[in-house]
Amino acid sequence: MELDDCRRFYAEEIRFEANIDSPTLVEAFARVPREKFLGPGPWQMVCPSLVLGTTTYRAIEDPRHLYHNVLIAIDVARELNSGHPSSLALWIDALSLRAGDRVFHLGCGVGYYTAIMAEVIGPGGSVVASEVDSDLAARARENLAGYPNVTVQACDGANFDAGACDAMLINAGVTHPHLPWLERLAEGGWIMLPLTFADSDRRAGMGLMLKITRDGGRFPVQVVSPVAIYSCTSVRDPRLEPLIGKALATKTLLKLKSVRRDPHEQTDTCILHREDVCLSNL
């Protein structure tokens, strides 16, 4: 099989794994060359390990073998990977991107999924990406040089104003919705937000991927999938960490229905409550 054939097969594999509705998104997976974004081979595929807490790798020398629903390392020393294709596909599909949309992508890594979204929205749209790791941001900027509708910022995306956006993919775990993201979301727009309980070293955590919609003055929430992801350390409230862990264990988080921004006293309808933002079952 030629590389183009492998990409097409891979896109169909992802379509079934993630149950993708958007044919434009499937086509984007068939077009974007994954090997370009991962750098020169050989590449290291992340393998399941029988030993809890350890990661093993397998070398891949043929770029055709990159076109499977597998994790590929981008920095073995730091155990950083490029993101699980079907998981990212599911989240991007949930954003219901349209031609001409303006998208914010926090935590773009080396830019592969940024390119996927840029393909979906077309030349009339734009993607603003941020990456806190300056080396990865430089790689992403180089990888995305062929997309004039994409900009990459080497910064903490929580402290960066991306402007008004139709969609946002937050690709790092948080303990609560960041108010500037809610405020910059266009009417009818969506945020994909990983709400996580971080592990002891706070590098990564697990939780649920939430889809937040802006509907007038309301922000309805839909639970999309489980998630395990590296943390956005600047959007983590230590007071909420144990509450998220408990709500995960008791499955209370599955009852989330909205993000509330109106001032109110904490009641039993508040699953995760802060003074400025509350995750509620109302």
Protein backbone atom coordinates (compact mmCIF):
# COMPACT_ATOMS: atom_id res chain seq x y z
CA MET A 1 0.00 0.00 0.00
CA GLU A 2 1.15 3.54 -0.77
CA LEU A 3 1.11 6.19 1.97
CA ASP A 4 -2.02 7.81 0.52
CA ASP A 5 -3.80 4.44 0.67
CA CYS A 6 -2.68 3.97 4.28
CA ARG A 7 -4.00 7.39 5.24
CA ARG A 8 -7.35 6.60 3.65
CA PHE A 9 -7.57 3.27 5.48
CA TYR A 10 -6.55 5.01 8.74
CA ALA A 11 -9.24 7.69 8.28
CA GLU A 12 -11.88 5.00 7.88
CA GLU A 13 -10.54 3.18 10.94
CA ILE A 14 -10.81 6.42 12.95
CA ARG A 15 -14.31 7.07 11.58
CA PHE A 16 -15.54 3.76 12.99
CA GLU A 17 -13.55 3.90 16.24
CA ALA A 18 -14.80 7.42 17.10
CA ASN A 19 -18.20 7.12 15.39
CA ILE A 20 -17.50 10.34 13.47
CA ASP A 21 -20.46 12.10 11.85
CA SER A 22 -18.51 14.68 9.83
CA PRO A 23 -17.30 13.49 6.40
CA THR A 24 -15.10 16.59 6.24
CA LEU A 25 -13.29 15.47 9.39
CA VAL A 26 -12.77 11.97 8.00
CA GLU A 27 -11.33 13.52 4.85
CA ALA A 28 -8.97 15.66 6.94
CA PHE A 29 -7.55 12.53 8.60
CA ALA A 30 -7.05 11.06 5.13
CA ARG A 31 -5.14 14.12 3.90
CA VAL A 32 -2.89 15.33 6.73
CA PRO A 33 0.50 13.50 6.76
CA ARG A 34 1.01 12.31 10.32
CA GLU A 35 4.70 11.53 9.74
CA LYS A 36 5.41 15.18 8.83
CA PHE A 37 4.24 16.33 12.26
CA LEU A 38 6.05 13.59 14.19
CA GLY A 39 9.45 14.38 12.69
CA PRO A 40 11.96 11.97 11.12
CA GLY A 41 11.80 8.29 12.03
CA PRO A 42 12.25 5.87 13.50
CA TRP A 43 9.24 6.65 15.66
CA GLN A 44 8.35 5.23 19.06
CA MET A 45 4.90 3.73 19.43
CA VAL A 46 3.49 3.75 22.96
CA CYS A 47 2.62 0.16 23.93
CA PRO A 48 0.31 -1.16 26.64
CA SER A 49 2.25 -2.30 29.68
CA LEU A 50 1.38 -5.08 32.12
CA VAL A 51 3.23 -3.20 34.86
CA LEU A 52 1.13 -0.43 36.40
CA GLY A 53 2.70 3.02 36.11
CA THR A 54 5.24 2.11 33.42
CA THR A 55 5.37 2.93 29.71
CA THR A 56 6.96 0.79 27.03
CA TYR A 57 7.73 1.62 23.40
CA ARG A 58 8.17 -0.15 20.09
CA ALA A 59 10.23 1.33 17.26
CA ILE A 60 8.47 2.00 13.94
CA GLU A 61 10.60 2.59 10.85
CA ASP A 62 8.00 2.43 8.08
CA PRO A 63 5.78 5.57 7.98
CA ARG A 64 2.90 3.41 6.75
CA HIS A 65 2.75 1.86 10.22
CA LEU A 66 1.94 5.25 11.75
CA TYR A 67 -1.51 5.03 10.23
CA HIS A 68 -3.22 3.12 12.99
CA ASN A 69 -5.16 4.23 16.04
CA VAL A 70 -2.08 4.24 18.27
CA LEU A 71 -0.13 6.71 20.40
CA ILE A 72 3.23 7.88 19.07
CA ALA A 73 5.79 9.48 21.38
CA ILE A 74 7.02 13.01 20.71
CA ASP A 75 9.37 13.07 23.72
CA VAL A 76 10.15 9.68 25.28
CA ALA A 77 12.19 11.19 28.14
CA ARG A 78 9.15 13.14 29.33
CA GLU A 79 6.62 10.48 28.32
CA LEU A 80 4.89 12.96 26.00
CA ASN A 81 2.83 11.61 23.13
CA SER A 82 1.03 13.03 20.13
CA GLY A 83 -2.49 12.25 21.31
CA HIS A 84 -4.76 9.25 20.69
CA PRO A 85 -6.27 9.64 17.21
CA SER A 86 -9.78 8.29 17.85
CA SER A 87 -10.09 10.24 21.12
CA LEU A 88 -9.10 13.53 19.50
CA ALA A 89 -11.34 12.71 16.53
CA LEU A 90 -14.29 12.19 18.87
CA TRP A 91 -13.69 15.52 20.59
CA ILE A 92 -13.15 17.45 17.37
CA ASP A 93 -16.27 15.89 15.86
CA ALA A 94 -18.26 17.00 18.93
CA LEU A 95 -17.25 20.61 18.18
CA SER A 96 -19.31 20.42 14.95
CA LEU A 97 -16.81 22.66 13.15
CA ARG A 98 -18.08 24.55 10.12
CA ALA A 99 -16.34 26.18 7.20
CA GLY A 100 -15.21 29.66 8.22
CA ASP A 101 -15.18 29.03 11.98
CA ARG A 102 -12.60 30.60 14.28
CA VAL A 103 -11.10 27.98 16.62
CA PHE A 104 -8.86 28.15 19.69
CA HIS A 105 -6.67 25.09 20.34
CA LEU A 106 -4.93 25.07 23.73
CA GLY A 107 -2.11 22.56 24.06
CA CYS A 108 -1.47 21.98 20.36
CA GLY A 109 1.73 19.94 20.86
CA VAL A 110 3.39 19.52 17.47
CA GLY A 111 0.29 20.71 15.63
CA TYR A 112 -1.11 17.55 14.02
CA TYR A 113 -4.67 17.96 15.32
CA THR A 114 -4.46 21.70 14.73
CA ALA A 115 -3.90 20.87 11.07
CA ILE A 116 -6.85 18.48 11.11
CA MET A 117 -9.12 21.28 12.37
CA ALA A 118 -7.65 23.76 9.87
CA GLU A 119 -8.57 21.36 7.08
CA VAL A 120 -12.13 21.09 8.38
CA ILE A 121 -12.80 24.84 8.67
CA GLY A 122 -11.09 25.62 5.36
CA PRO A 123 -9.17 28.69 4.22
CA GLY A 124 -12.02 30.99 5.23
CA GLY A 125 -11.66 30.01 8.89
CA SER A 126 -8.79 30.34 11.32
CA VAL A 127 -7.17 28.42 14.15
CA VAL A 128 -5.32 30.11 16.98
CA ALA A 129 -3.15 27.53 18.76
CA SER A 130 -1.16 27.80 21.97
CA GLU A 131 1.55 25.55 23.39
CA VAL A 132 3.24 26.21 26.73
CA ASP A 133 6.35 24.17 25.82
CA SER A 134 8.48 26.48 23.66
CA ASP A 135 10.26 23.61 21.85
CA LEU A 136 6.98 21.95 20.91
CA ALA A 137 5.54 25.33 19.90
CA ALA A 138 8.50 25.87 17.56
CA ARG A 139 7.94 22.44 16.00
CA ALA A 140 4.23 23.15 15.61
CA ARG A 141 4.93 26.52 13.99
CA GLU A 142 7.25 24.86 11.48
CA ASN A 143 4.87 21.97 10.84
CA LEU A 144 1.95 24.34 10.24
CA ALA A 145 3.81 26.80 8.03
CA GLY A 146 1.75 25.65 5.06
CA TYR A 147 -1.49 26.77 6.73
CA PRO A 148 -1.85 30.57 6.41
CA ASN A 149 -5.04 30.39 8.49
CA VAL A 150 -3.18 29.02 11.56
CA THR A 151 -1.13 30.92 14.15
CA VAL A 152 0.82 29.31 16.98
CA GLN A 153 1.59 31.10 20.24
CA ALA A 154 4.33 29.82 22.56
CA CYS A 155 2.58 30.62 25.83
CA ASP A 156 0.27 29.43 28.58
CA GLY A 157 -3.03 29.41 26.73
CA ALA A 158 -4.91 30.24 29.93
CA ASN A 159 -3.21 33.63 29.98
CA PHE A 160 -3.60 34.30 26.25
CA ASP A 161 -6.55 36.13 24.71
CA ALA A 162 -7.44 34.29 21.51
CA GLY A 163 -10.30 36.67 20.76
CA ALA A 164 -13.88 35.69 20.04
CA CYS A 165 -14.10 32.03 18.94
CA ASP A 166 -16.76 29.74 17.58
CA ALA A 167 -15.12 26.65 19.08
CA MET A 168 -12.38 25.81 21.57
CA LEU A 169 -10.48 22.57 22.14
CA ILE A 170 -8.80 22.66 25.54
CA ASN A 171 -6.23 19.88 25.32
CA ALA A 172 -5.05 19.95 28.95
CA GLY A 173 -6.82 18.99 32.17
CA VAL A 174 -8.46 21.64 34.38
CA THR A 175 -10.50 21.66 37.58
CA HIS A 176 -13.04 24.22 36.36
CA PRO A 177 -14.03 26.23 33.27
CA HIS A 178 -11.77 29.25 32.86
CA LEU A 179 -13.91 32.41 32.79
CA PRO A 180 -12.06 34.09 29.88
CA TRP A 181 -12.83 31.05 27.70
CA LEU A 182 -16.54 31.28 28.51
CA GLU A 183 -16.53 35.01 27.85
CA ARG A 184 -14.77 34.65 24.48
CA LEU A 185 -17.07 31.89 23.24
CA ALA A 186 -19.44 33.03 20.50
CA GLU A 187 -23.19 32.52 20.82
CA GLY A 188 -24.00 28.94 19.86
CA GLY A 189 -20.32 27.96 20.13
CA TRP A 190 -18.79 24.98 21.92
CA ILE A 191 -15.87 24.29 24.25
CA MET A 192 -14.40 20.82 24.70
CA LEU A 193 -13.00 20.89 28.23
CA PRO A 194 -11.28 18.03 30.14
CA LEU A 195 -12.32 18.23 33.80
CA THR A 196 -9.76 16.14 35.68
CA PHE A 197 -8.51 14.99 39.04
CA ALA A 198 -4.70 15.22 38.92
CA ASP A 199 -2.36 12.56 40.25
CA SER A 200 0.16 13.23 43.01
CA ASP A 201 2.81 14.87 40.82
CA ARG A 202 0.10 16.99 39.12
CA ARG A 203 1.51 16.31 35.65
CA ALA A 204 -1.52 14.37 34.49
CA GLY A 205 -4.97 13.39 35.62
CA MET A 206 -8.17 11.62 34.70
CA GLY A 207 -11.76 12.67 34.48
CA LEU A 208 -14.40 13.53 31.90
CA MET A 209 -14.35 15.47 28.64
CA LEU A 210 -17.18 18.00 28.74
CA LYS A 211 -18.89 19.81 25.89
CA ILE A 212 -19.99 23.27 27.01
CA THR A 213 -22.38 25.25 24.79
CA ARG A 214 -23.07 28.98 24.94
CA ASP A 215 -26.83 29.44 24.71
CA GLY A 216 -27.74 33.03 25.50
CA GLY A 217 -26.87 33.53 29.15
CA ARG A 218 -26.73 29.78 29.79
CA PHE A 219 -23.94 27.23 29.42
CA PRO A 220 -25.41 23.71 29.10
CA VAL A 221 -22.99 20.81 29.62
CA GLN A 222 -22.82 17.40 27.99
CA VAL A 223 -20.46 14.61 29.11
CA VAL A 224 -18.68 13.28 25.99
CA SER A 225 -16.15 10.70 27.17
CA PRO A 226 -13.67 9.68 29.84
CA VAL A 227 -10.28 11.36 29.54
CA ALA A 228 -6.72 10.90 30.79
CA ILE A 229 -4.57 13.91 29.97
CA TYR A 230 -1.72 16.17 31.06
CA SER A 231 -2.72 19.05 33.31
CA CYS A 232 -3.06 22.75 32.61
CA THR A 233 -1.39 23.78 35.87
CA SER A 234 -2.61 27.39 35.75
CA VAL A 235 -6.30 26.37 35.74
CA ARG A 236 -6.32 24.08 38.74
CA ASP A 237 -7.95 24.90 42.07
CA PRO A 238 -6.54 22.74 44.89
CA ARG A 239 -9.85 23.07 46.74
CA LEU A 240 -11.64 21.30 43.90
CA GLU A 241 -9.15 18.45 43.41
CA PRO A 242 -10.55 16.14 46.16
CA LEU A 243 -14.12 17.07 45.20
CA ILE A 244 -13.54 16.02 41.60
CA GLY A 245 -11.98 12.76 42.75
CA LYS A 246 -14.99 12.04 44.96
CA ALA A 247 -17.48 13.05 42.26
CA LEU A 248 -15.74 10.73 39.81
CA ALA A 249 -15.80 7.83 42.25
CA THR A 250 -19.50 8.31 43.03
CA LYS A 251 -20.38 9.08 39.39
CA THR A 252 -21.90 12.39 40.49
CA LEU A 253 -20.01 14.11 37.66
CA LEU A 254 -22.18 12.23 35.19
CA LYS A 255 -25.13 14.33 36.43
CA LEU A 256 -23.57 17.60 35.24
CA LYS A 257 -26.03 19.72 33.28
CA SER A 258 -24.72 23.29 33.25
CA VAL A 259 -22.06 25.81 34.11
CA ARG A 260 -23.52 28.58 36.25
CA ARG A 261 -22.00 32.06 36.40
CA ASP A 262 -24.80 33.78 38.32
CA PRO A 263 -24.08 34.63 41.98
CA HIS A 264 -25.67 32.03 44.27
CA GLU A 265 -25.13 30.24 47.55
CA GLN A 266 -23.76 26.73 47.42
CA THR A 267 -26.54 24.12 47.61
CA ASP A 268 -26.86 20.40 46.98
CA THR A 269 -27.35 21.19 43.27
CA CYS A 270 -23.75 22.44 43.09
CA ILE A 271 -21.42 19.60 42.14
CA LEU A 272 -18.28 21.80 42.00
CA HIS A 273 -18.75 25.29 43.36
CA ARG A 274 -16.54 28.36 43.19
CA GLU A 275 -17.51 31.97 43.74
CA ASP A 276 -17.09 32.81 40.04
CA VAL A 277 -18.20 29.59 38.34
CA CYS A 278 -20.19 26.53 39.37
CA LEU A 279 -20.74 23.14 37.78
CA SER A 280 -24.34 22.27 38.55
CA ASN A 281 -26.86 19.49 38.07
CA LEU A 282 -29.56 22.06 37.24
